Amino acid sequence: MSNSPIAIARALHGAIEAGKVGEELRAHFTDDAVIVEHPNSVKPTGAEMSLDALLEAAKAGASLLARQSYDLREAMEQGDLAVLRLDWTGELARDAGPLVQGQVLRAHVAQFVHTRDGRVSRIETYDCYEPFSSGR
């Protein structure tokens, strides 16, 4: 695997798309990794998570989604930083509140991925979700 920040970030996206959780996902991060999710329609107050909290959230997300994908629209890097513009798509595996199994969710994402020693050390993400339609 290349140590370029873009390649490191894309390898992480590939692992998430493949449904990797736990230690398989942990391998993509430094032990002190931090993830900052800026306020959006899913997390109105945003969140800052440690690696352990992220791994728990990823496990929950993997059980909620039948599939998810990251379509890279644009990327650039400077030093150990990758800046990516992505389109995220996720299909629900089960009903969740007003959303129904099979419903497709979409978000337009800007991610700032900091890397160190070939792994992700910090992610700041701005997730702009398209409006959710009630499946019920």
N, C-alpha and C. Protein backbone atom coordinates (compact mmCIF):
# COMPACT_ATOMS: atom_id res chain seq x y z
N MET A 1 0.84 -1.18 0.00
CA MET A 1 0.00 0.00 0.00
C MET A 1 0.88 1.23 0.00
N SER A 2 0.50 2.21 -0.77
CA SER A 2 1.23 3.47 -0.83
C SER A 2 1.02 4.24 0.46
N ASN A 3 2.03 5.01 0.84
CA ASN A 3 1.92 5.85 2.03
C ASN A 3 1.45 7.25 1.70
N SER A 4 0.98 7.50 0.48
CA SER A 4 0.46 8.83 0.18
C SER A 4 -0.82 9.03 0.99
N PRO A 5 -1.05 10.23 1.51
CA PRO A 5 -2.26 10.46 2.31
C PRO A 5 -3.56 10.09 1.57
N ILE A 6 -3.62 10.35 0.28
CA ILE A 6 -4.84 10.00 -0.47
C ILE A 6 -5.01 8.48 -0.49
N ALA A 7 -3.94 7.74 -0.75
CA ALA A 7 -4.03 6.28 -0.79
C ALA A 7 -4.42 5.72 0.58
N ILE A 8 -3.90 6.31 1.65
CA ILE A 8 -4.24 5.87 3.01
C ILE A 8 -5.72 6.11 3.27
N ALA A 9 -6.22 7.29 2.91
CA ALA A 9 -7.64 7.61 3.11
C ALA A 9 -8.52 6.68 2.28
N ARG A 10 -8.15 6.44 1.04
CA ARG A 10 -8.96 5.58 0.17
C ARG A 10 -8.94 4.13 0.64
N ALA A 11 -7.82 3.68 1.21
CA ALA A 11 -7.78 2.33 1.77
C ALA A 11 -8.77 2.21 2.94
N LEU A 12 -8.85 3.27 3.75
CA LEU A 12 -9.83 3.28 4.84
C LEU A 12 -11.25 3.23 4.28
N HIS A 13 -11.54 4.04 3.27
CA HIS A 13 -12.87 4.01 2.66
C HIS A 13 -13.19 2.61 2.13
N GLY A 14 -12.22 1.98 1.50
CA GLY A 14 -12.42 0.63 0.98
C GLY A 14 -12.74 -0.37 2.08
N ALA A 15 -12.07 -0.24 3.22
CA ALA A 15 -12.34 -1.13 4.35
C ALA A 15 -13.76 -0.92 4.88
N ILE A 16 -14.18 0.34 4.95
CA ILE A 16 -15.54 0.64 5.41
C ILE A 16 -16.57 0.09 4.42
N GLU A 17 -16.32 0.28 3.13
CA GLU A 17 -17.23 -0.25 2.10
C GLU A 17 -17.34 -1.77 2.19
N ALA A 18 -16.24 -2.43 2.55
CA ALA A 18 -16.22 -3.89 2.65
C ALA A 18 -16.83 -4.39 3.96
N GLY A 19 -17.27 -3.46 4.82
CA GLY A 19 -17.91 -3.84 6.07
C GLY A 19 -16.95 -4.22 7.18
N LYS A 20 -15.69 -3.83 7.04
CA LYS A 20 -14.71 -4.15 8.08
C LYS A 20 -15.05 -3.40 9.37
N VAL A 21 -14.89 -4.07 10.49
CA VAL A 21 -15.12 -3.47 11.80
C VAL A 21 -14.02 -3.97 12.75
N GLY A 22 -14.02 -3.48 13.96
CA GLY A 22 -13.10 -3.96 14.98
C GLY A 22 -11.65 -3.80 14.60
N GLU A 23 -10.88 -4.85 14.84
CA GLU A 23 -9.43 -4.80 14.64
C GLU A 23 -9.05 -4.59 13.17
N GLU A 24 -9.88 -5.10 12.26
CA GLU A 24 -9.59 -4.89 10.83
C GLU A 24 -9.69 -3.41 10.47
N LEU A 25 -10.58 -2.70 11.10
CA LEU A 25 -10.71 -1.26 10.86
C LEU A 25 -9.66 -0.49 11.66
N ARG A 26 -9.39 -0.95 12.88
CA ARG A 26 -8.39 -0.30 13.74
C ARG A 26 -7.03 -0.21 13.05
N ALA A 27 -6.71 -1.20 12.24
CA ALA A 27 -5.40 -1.26 11.57
C ALA A 27 -5.14 -0.04 10.68
N HIS A 28 -6.18 0.68 10.31
CA HIS A 28 -6.03 1.85 9.44
C HIS A 28 -5.72 3.13 10.21
N PHE A 29 -5.75 3.06 11.54
CA PHE A 29 -5.62 4.25 12.38
C PHE A 29 -4.42 4.18 13.32
N THR A 30 -3.90 5.35 13.68
CA THR A 30 -2.93 5.41 14.78
C THR A 30 -3.71 5.21 16.08
N ASP A 31 -3.01 4.80 17.13
CA ASP A 31 -3.68 4.53 18.40
C ASP A 31 -4.35 5.76 19.00
N ASP A 32 -3.82 6.95 18.69
CA ASP A 32 -4.36 8.19 19.26
C ASP A 32 -5.25 8.95 18.27
N ALA A 33 -5.77 8.25 17.29
CA ALA A 33 -6.59 8.90 16.25
C ALA A 33 -7.83 9.57 16.85
N VAL A 34 -8.20 10.68 16.23
CA VAL A 34 -9.39 11.45 16.62
C VAL A 34 -10.21 11.71 15.36
N ILE A 35 -11.53 11.60 15.52
CA ILE A 35 -12.44 11.86 14.41
C ILE A 35 -13.38 12.98 14.83
N VAL A 36 -13.44 14.03 14.02
CA VAL A 36 -14.33 15.16 14.28
C VAL A 36 -15.38 15.19 13.18
N GLU A 37 -16.64 15.05 13.59
CA GLU A 37 -17.75 15.13 12.64
C GLU A 37 -18.48 16.44 12.93
N HIS A 38 -18.46 17.33 11.96
CA HIS A 38 -19.10 18.63 12.14
C HIS A 38 -20.62 18.47 12.07
N PRO A 39 -21.37 19.40 12.67
CA PRO A 39 -22.83 19.28 12.73
C PRO A 39 -23.45 19.02 11.35
N ASN A 40 -24.43 18.11 11.36
CA ASN A 40 -25.15 17.77 10.14
C ASN A 40 -26.53 17.26 10.53
N SER A 41 -27.32 16.83 9.57
CA SER A 41 -28.70 16.42 9.87
C SER A 41 -28.77 15.11 10.65
N VAL A 42 -27.73 14.30 10.63
CA VAL A 42 -27.70 13.07 11.41
C VAL A 42 -27.18 13.34 12.82
N LYS A 43 -26.18 14.20 12.94
CA LYS A 43 -25.61 14.58 14.24
C LYS A 43 -25.65 16.10 14.34
N PRO A 44 -26.80 16.66 14.73
CA PRO A 44 -26.97 18.12 14.74
C PRO A 44 -25.95 18.88 15.59
N THR A 45 -25.41 18.24 16.61
CA THR A 45 -24.41 18.93 17.44
C THR A 45 -22.99 18.52 17.06
N GLY A 46 -22.85 17.63 16.08
CA GLY A 46 -21.53 17.15 15.70
C GLY A 46 -21.02 16.17 16.74
N ALA A 47 -19.77 15.77 16.59
CA ALA A 47 -19.17 14.83 17.54
C ALA A 47 -17.67 14.84 17.38
N GLU A 48 -16.99 14.56 18.47
CA GLU A 48 -15.55 14.29 18.43
C GLU A 48 -15.36 12.95 19.11
N MET A 49 -14.73 12.03 18.39
CA MET A 49 -14.61 10.66 18.88
C MET A 49 -13.16 10.20 18.94
N SER A 50 -12.89 9.39 19.94
CA SER A 50 -11.62 8.67 20.01
C SER A 50 -11.72 7.48 19.05
N LEU A 51 -10.62 6.79 18.87
CA LEU A 51 -10.63 5.62 18.00
C LEU A 51 -11.59 4.56 18.52
N ASP A 52 -11.59 4.30 19.83
CA ASP A 52 -12.49 3.28 20.37
C ASP A 52 -13.95 3.65 20.13
N ALA A 53 -14.30 4.92 20.31
CA ALA A 53 -15.68 5.36 20.06
C ALA A 53 -16.03 5.22 18.59
N LEU A 54 -15.09 5.54 17.71
CA LEU A 54 -15.32 5.38 16.28
C LEU A 54 -15.58 3.92 15.93
N LEU A 55 -14.79 3.02 16.50
CA LEU A 55 -14.96 1.60 16.19
C LEU A 55 -16.33 1.10 16.64
N GLU A 56 -16.82 1.58 17.78
CA GLU A 56 -18.17 1.22 18.23
C GLU A 56 -19.22 1.77 17.26
N ALA A 57 -19.05 3.02 16.84
CA ALA A 57 -19.99 3.63 15.90
C ALA A 57 -19.96 2.90 14.55
N ALA A 58 -18.78 2.49 14.11
CA ALA A 58 -18.65 1.77 12.84
C ALA A 58 -19.37 0.43 12.90
N LYS A 59 -19.27 -0.23 14.05
CA LYS A 59 -19.95 -1.52 14.22
C LYS A 59 -21.47 -1.33 14.14
N ALA A 60 -21.98 -0.29 14.80
CA ALA A 60 -23.42 0.00 14.75
C ALA A 60 -23.83 0.37 13.33
N GLY A 61 -23.02 1.18 12.66
CA GLY A 61 -23.32 1.59 11.29
C GLY A 61 -23.33 0.43 10.33
N ALA A 62 -22.39 -0.50 10.52
CA ALA A 62 -22.30 -1.66 9.63
C ALA A 62 -23.55 -2.53 9.76
N SER A 63 -24.14 -2.59 10.96
CA SER A 63 -25.35 -3.40 11.13
C SER A 63 -26.58 -2.69 10.57
N LEU A 64 -26.53 -1.38 10.46
CA LEU A 64 -27.67 -0.60 9.94
C LEU A 64 -27.69 -0.57 8.42
N LEU A 65 -26.51 -0.70 7.80
CA LEU A 65 -26.41 -0.53 6.35
C LEU A 65 -26.18 -1.86 5.64
N ALA A 66 -26.93 -2.09 4.57
CA ALA A 66 -26.71 -3.27 3.73
C ALA A 66 -25.46 -3.08 2.89
N ARG A 67 -25.22 -1.84 2.51
CA ARG A 67 -24.02 -1.50 1.73
C ARG A 67 -23.79 -0.01 1.85
N GLN A 68 -22.54 0.38 1.60
CA GLN A 68 -22.21 1.81 1.52
C GLN A 68 -21.02 1.97 0.60
N SER A 69 -20.95 3.14 -0.01
CA SER A 69 -19.84 3.39 -0.93
C SER A 69 -19.44 4.86 -0.87
N TYR A 70 -18.17 5.09 -1.18
CA TYR A 70 -17.60 6.42 -1.25
C TYR A 70 -17.12 6.64 -2.68
N ASP A 71 -17.73 7.57 -3.38
CA ASP A 71 -17.33 7.90 -4.74
C ASP A 71 -16.44 9.14 -4.67
N LEU A 72 -15.18 8.97 -5.00
CA LEU A 72 -14.22 10.08 -4.94
C LEU A 72 -14.48 11.05 -6.09
N ARG A 73 -14.73 12.30 -5.75
CA ARG A 73 -14.97 13.33 -6.75
C ARG A 73 -13.70 14.13 -7.02
N GLU A 74 -12.94 14.37 -5.97
CA GLU A 74 -11.74 15.21 -6.11
C GLU A 74 -10.87 14.96 -4.89
N ALA A 75 -9.55 15.05 -5.07
CA ALA A 75 -8.64 14.88 -3.94
C ALA A 75 -7.35 15.64 -4.20
N MET A 76 -6.78 16.12 -3.12
CA MET A 76 -5.46 16.74 -3.19
C MET A 76 -4.77 16.45 -1.87
N GLU A 77 -3.47 16.56 -1.89
CA GLU A 77 -2.73 16.33 -0.65
C GLU A 77 -1.62 17.36 -0.51
N GLN A 78 -1.29 17.60 0.74
CA GLN A 78 -0.17 18.47 1.07
C GLN A 78 0.48 17.88 2.31
N GLY A 79 1.73 17.51 2.18
CA GLY A 79 2.41 16.88 3.30
C GLY A 79 1.69 15.61 3.71
N ASP A 80 1.29 15.53 4.99
CA ASP A 80 0.60 14.36 5.52
C ASP A 80 -0.92 14.50 5.53
N LEU A 81 -1.44 15.48 4.79
CA LEU A 81 -2.88 15.75 4.77
C LEU A 81 -3.48 15.43 3.40
N ALA A 82 -4.59 14.69 3.43
CA ALA A 82 -5.40 14.47 2.22
C ALA A 82 -6.70 15.24 2.39
N VAL A 83 -7.09 15.96 1.35
CA VAL A 83 -8.37 16.67 1.33
C VAL A 83 -9.19 16.00 0.23
N LEU A 84 -10.36 15.47 0.61
CA LEU A 84 -11.16 14.71 -0.34
C LEU A 84 -12.58 15.24 -0.41
N ARG A 85 -13.12 15.26 -1.62
CA ARG A 85 -14.53 15.56 -1.85
C ARG A 85 -15.15 14.26 -2.34
N LEU A 86 -16.16 13.79 -1.62
CA LEU A 86 -16.73 12.47 -1.87
C LEU A 86 -18.24 12.54 -1.94
N ASP A 87 -18.83 11.59 -2.63
CA ASP A 87 -20.26 11.34 -2.55
C ASP A 87 -20.42 10.00 -1.85
N TRP A 88 -21.13 10.00 -0.73
CA TRP A 88 -21.38 8.78 0.04
C TRP A 88 -22.79 8.31 -0.23
N THR A 89 -22.95 7.00 -0.40
CA THR A 89 -24.26 6.38 -0.57
C THR A 89 -24.36 5.20 0.38
N GLY A 90 -25.47 5.09 1.08
CA GLY A 90 -25.71 3.96 1.96
C GLY A 90 -27.13 3.44 1.80
N GLU A 91 -27.26 2.13 1.77
CA GLU A 91 -28.58 1.50 1.67
C GLU A 91 -28.91 0.84 3.00
N LEU A 92 -30.08 1.14 3.54
CA LEU A 92 -30.46 0.61 4.85
C LEU A 92 -30.73 -0.89 4.80
N ALA A 93 -30.18 -1.60 5.78
CA ALA A 93 -30.38 -3.04 5.89
C ALA A 93 -31.66 -3.36 6.66
N ARG A 94 -32.14 -2.38 7.43
CA ARG A 94 -33.34 -2.59 8.25
C ARG A 94 -34.03 -1.25 8.47
N ASP A 95 -35.24 -1.33 8.94
CA ASP A 95 -35.98 -0.11 9.29
C ASP A 95 -35.28 0.59 10.45
N ALA A 96 -35.29 1.91 10.42
CA ALA A 96 -34.71 2.72 11.50
C ALA A 96 -35.54 3.99 11.62
N GLY A 97 -36.38 4.06 12.64
CA GLY A 97 -37.25 5.22 12.79
C GLY A 97 -38.14 5.36 11.56
N PRO A 98 -38.17 6.56 10.96
CA PRO A 98 -39.03 6.76 9.79
C PRO A 98 -38.42 6.20 8.49
N LEU A 99 -37.18 5.74 8.55
CA LEU A 99 -36.50 5.22 7.36
C LEU A 99 -36.75 3.71 7.26
N VAL A 100 -36.80 3.21 6.03
CA VAL A 100 -37.15 1.80 5.83
C VAL A 100 -36.04 1.02 5.14
N GLN A 101 -36.07 -0.27 5.39
CA GLN A 101 -35.12 -1.18 4.75
C GLN A 101 -35.12 -0.94 3.24
N GLY A 102 -33.92 -0.88 2.67
CA GLY A 102 -33.78 -0.68 1.23
C GLY A 102 -33.69 0.78 0.81
N GLN A 103 -34.03 1.69 1.71
CA GLN A 103 -33.95 3.12 1.39
C GLN A 103 -32.49 3.52 1.21
N VAL A 104 -32.24 4.36 0.22
CA VAL A 104 -30.88 4.80 -0.09
C VAL A 104 -30.69 6.22 0.44
N LEU A 105 -29.62 6.40 1.21
CA LEU A 105 -29.25 7.71 1.76
C LEU A 105 -28.03 8.21 1.00
N ARG A 106 -27.94 9.53 0.87
CA ARG A 106 -26.81 10.13 0.16
C ARG A 106 -26.29 11.33 0.93
N ALA A 107 -24.97 11.50 0.86
CA ALA A 107 -24.35 12.68 1.47
C ALA A 107 -23.20 13.14 0.59
N HIS A 108 -22.99 14.43 0.58
CA HIS A 108 -21.85 15.04 -0.10
C HIS A 108 -20.88 15.40 1.02
N VAL A 109 -19.65 14.94 0.89
CA VAL A 109 -18.71 14.95 2.01
C VAL A 109 -17.42 15.66 1.63
N ALA A 110 -16.93 16.44 2.57
CA ALA A 110 -15.56 16.99 2.49
C ALA A 110 -14.82 16.43 3.70
N GLN A 111 -13.71 15.75 3.44
CA GLN A 111 -12.92 15.16 4.53
C GLN A 111 -11.50 15.68 4.48
N PHE A 112 -11.00 15.96 5.66
CA PHE A 112 -9.61 16.35 5.86
C PHE A 112 -8.98 15.23 6.67
N VAL A 113 -8.12 14.45 6.02
CA VAL A 113 -7.56 13.25 6.63
C VAL A 113 -6.08 13.46 6.87
N HIS A 114 -5.71 13.50 8.14
CA HIS A 114 -4.31 13.63 8.53
C HIS A 114 -3.74 12.23 8.72
N THR A 115 -2.51 12.04 8.27
CA THR A 115 -1.89 10.72 8.37
C THR A 115 -0.55 10.81 9.09
N ARG A 116 -0.16 9.67 9.66
CA ARG A 116 1.14 9.57 10.31
C ARG A 116 1.57 8.10 10.26
N ASP A 117 2.79 7.88 9.85
CA ASP A 117 3.34 6.52 9.81
C ASP A 117 2.46 5.56 9.00
N GLY A 118 1.88 6.06 7.91
CA GLY A 118 1.10 5.20 7.02
C GLY A 118 -0.31 4.92 7.48
N ARG A 119 -0.76 5.62 8.53
CA ARG A 119 -2.12 5.40 9.03
C ARG A 119 -2.82 6.73 9.28
N VAL A 120 -4.11 6.68 9.46
CA VAL A 120 -4.92 7.88 9.71
C VAL A 120 -4.77 8.29 11.17
N SER A 121 -4.43 9.56 11.40
CA SER A 121 -4.30 10.06 12.77
C SER A 121 -5.43 11.01 13.16
N ARG A 122 -6.09 11.61 12.18
CA ARG A 122 -7.20 12.53 12.47
C ARG A 122 -8.04 12.69 11.21
N ILE A 123 -9.34 12.69 11.40
CA ILE A 123 -10.27 12.99 10.31
C ILE A 123 -11.19 14.10 10.78
N GLU A 124 -11.33 15.12 9.96
CA GLU A 124 -12.38 16.11 10.14
C GLU A 124 -13.29 15.96 8.95
N THR A 125 -14.58 15.74 9.21
CA THR A 125 -15.51 15.48 8.13
C THR A 125 -16.71 16.41 8.19
N TYR A 126 -17.11 16.86 7.02
CA TYR A 126 -18.28 17.71 6.84
C TYR A 126 -19.23 16.92 5.94
N ASP A 127 -20.28 16.35 6.54
CA ASP A 127 -21.21 15.49 5.82
C ASP A 127 -22.51 16.24 5.55
N CYS A 128 -22.80 16.50 4.30
CA CYS A 128 -24.02 17.22 3.91
C CYS A 128 -25.00 16.21 3.33
N TYR A 129 -25.93 15.75 4.16
CA TYR A 129 -26.89 14.73 3.73
C TYR A 129 -27.98 15.35 2.87
N GLU A 130 -28.36 14.61 1.83
CA GLU A 130 -29.53 15.00 1.06
C GLU A 130 -30.75 14.76 1.95
N PRO A 131 -31.85 15.49 1.73
CA PRO A 131 -33.03 15.31 2.58
C PRO A 131 -33.50 13.86 2.59
N PHE A 132 -33.88 13.40 3.78
CA PHE A 132 -34.40 12.04 3.94
C PHE A 132 -35.89 12.07 3.65
N SER A 133 -36.33 11.16 2.80
CA SER A 133 -37.77 11.04 2.60
C SER A 133 -38.25 9.92 3.51
N SER A 134 -39.40 10.09 4.07
CA SER A 134 -39.96 9.06 4.93
C SER A 134 -40.40 7.90 4.05
N GLY A 135 -39.94 6.72 4.39
CA GLY A 135 -40.31 5.54 3.61
C GLY A 135 -41.65 4.97 4.05
N ARG A 136 -42.24 5.57 5.05
CA ARG A 136 -43.51 5.03 5.59
C ARG A 136 -44.68 5.85 5.14
